[in-house]
Amino acid sequence: MSKTRIKSIYQCQQCEAESPQYLGRCPECQSWNTLLEKKVEVAKPGATQTTSTKRFTLDDLATPQLLQDIRLTDDMLRYSSGYPELDRVLGGGFIPGAYLLFGGDPGIGKSTLMLQVAQHVANSGKTVLYVAGEESPLQIKMRADRLGLQGNRILVFPETNIYNIMEEIKTSRPEMVIIDSIQAIYDPDLTGTPGNASQVKECAGKLMGIAKALQVTILLVGHVTKEGTVSGPKLLEHTVDGVLYFEGEKFRSLRILRTVKNRFGSTNEIGIFEMGESGLTEVTNPSELFLSESSYRNDPGSVIVTTMEGNRPLLVEIQALVGFSTYPSPRRVANGVDVSRLHQIIAVLERRLGLDFSKHDVYVNVVGGLRIQEPAADLGIALALVTSSHETAIKPKTVITGEIGLTGEVRPVSHYDARISEAEKLGFETIVLPKMRKPPEKASLHGIRRIEIGSLMEALTHCLDQKRRLPQDKVRSEEVVTGDESHAAFH
């Protein structure tokens, strides 16, 4: 007679809270319609609980070790993915035993990137196991032929049962395993369809165990929900060693690989790729790519700013459009920048410069599809708004950087030397930046003209084109101090 019974509980997909009965709203996180039924095995009252037999175990693979006895060998060190841009995001390459998640919108190029990485790793003499949960081996072969990949030392395994996958990993002992995708893998001991919270959590936990026990690098491909997060939802982010998002617009070739979690490196780096007929190629000079469509003319509402992504300086164009609104509440639309940051900059312009945007729609866009999170782009956004609203422009071949404070001051930024070098390399003649506490280390090597400013008024004084100056009656008359001289903001 069985000493156990099956019991149903309901688990929230958002916070994992459990309830003995179904509720329309989770009592913990207050999310609606997130409770799913889960079957669990419990002991009957009065029965002696015994340990059940598992179908797969890693007991013979993982044993306790003294920390002082653990030795690092050459095969335990990082190895390259074959793409310097991806190595940059990873912190130097793959680490044996690393457990990484790659997320992105459908059709963005996740499977293409995985297959190209698999070929580069296989070319270095390592064996790669490609677990195809959503495609047949024939479909993968067709993609490999289109990308010009030979497929040597790449094992294609069409399987979705987690136990069969673990057995194959234990048998073939590959150095890298690619799971495409984790939402297609299921555990037959659990109820529910593949992709729900319970299935994803259990399968991810088992794969993490075998990755650490066998020191095999496992890459998970994860789908992204309409809210922009990895479906599961976000359960995987707490399990894996690193989370990398593949970003890009469907109708543009640019792809950006951004890390939001990395136990082995920085989370501020990005990798930039371009999608073509032969797959993904690296972009070695991203600033030139972002400015390739820019006219470099001093058009109203167009400003070139320098921003930092990790340790990499990037020059991008910010465009603004300001026009009279026909709506009771004017629109504020921001693509590539935080809309709350845009509201703050508009408030500073209205309060400190006397400009009026209360009856105007405001649109701000970062050309190229890049998303800027650094506040050093504030000054560029402000100048783009001013020049667009008054049909003026900044001086040609001028690049802008600086953070705006609530009192209208321009606050210092980091990495002055890198920003100046990047602007000079691309042919700009002037860079407007906040006053530096100390000169850059290589300042004597730069031939670009540097203009240091301390406030928004000073920025307008030095940046606007003399031939297209802002009309005097448009801006509040104020006195600004530049160096040892006192000048009127506009004459």
Foldseek 3Di string as FASTA:
>chain_A
DDQKDKAKWWAFLPPRDIGNDDDQADPPPRDGPRIDIKIDIDGDPPDDDDDDDDPDDCPVQDDDDDPVPDDDDPVQDFDALQDPLVCVQQARHDGQLAEEEEEEAPPLAPVLSVVSSQQVVVVVVFAEEEEDLDDDPVVVVVLCVQLVGPCPNYHYHDDQELVVVLVVCVVVVTQEYEYEALQSHAHVVMDDHRNELVGSLVSLVVVSVSRNRSRHYYYHYFYADPVGAGRNGCSVVVRGQWYWYWDDDPPAFKIKIATPGHNNHDRQGIFIWGQDSNGTDGDPQVQCVQCVPPPLDFWQLKAWAWDDRDPAIHIWIKGKAKDFDPDPFAAQEEQQEDSVLVVLLVLLCCPVWVADRRGIHMYMYIGPRHHDYDQQCSLVNNRSVVRNVQVFGWDGLEYETFHADSNFWTDADPDPVNRQVSSVVVPRQEYEGADDPDDDPVVVVGRHHYAHGTGSLVCLQRTTDPVGHGDPVRTDWDWDDGDPDIDISGD
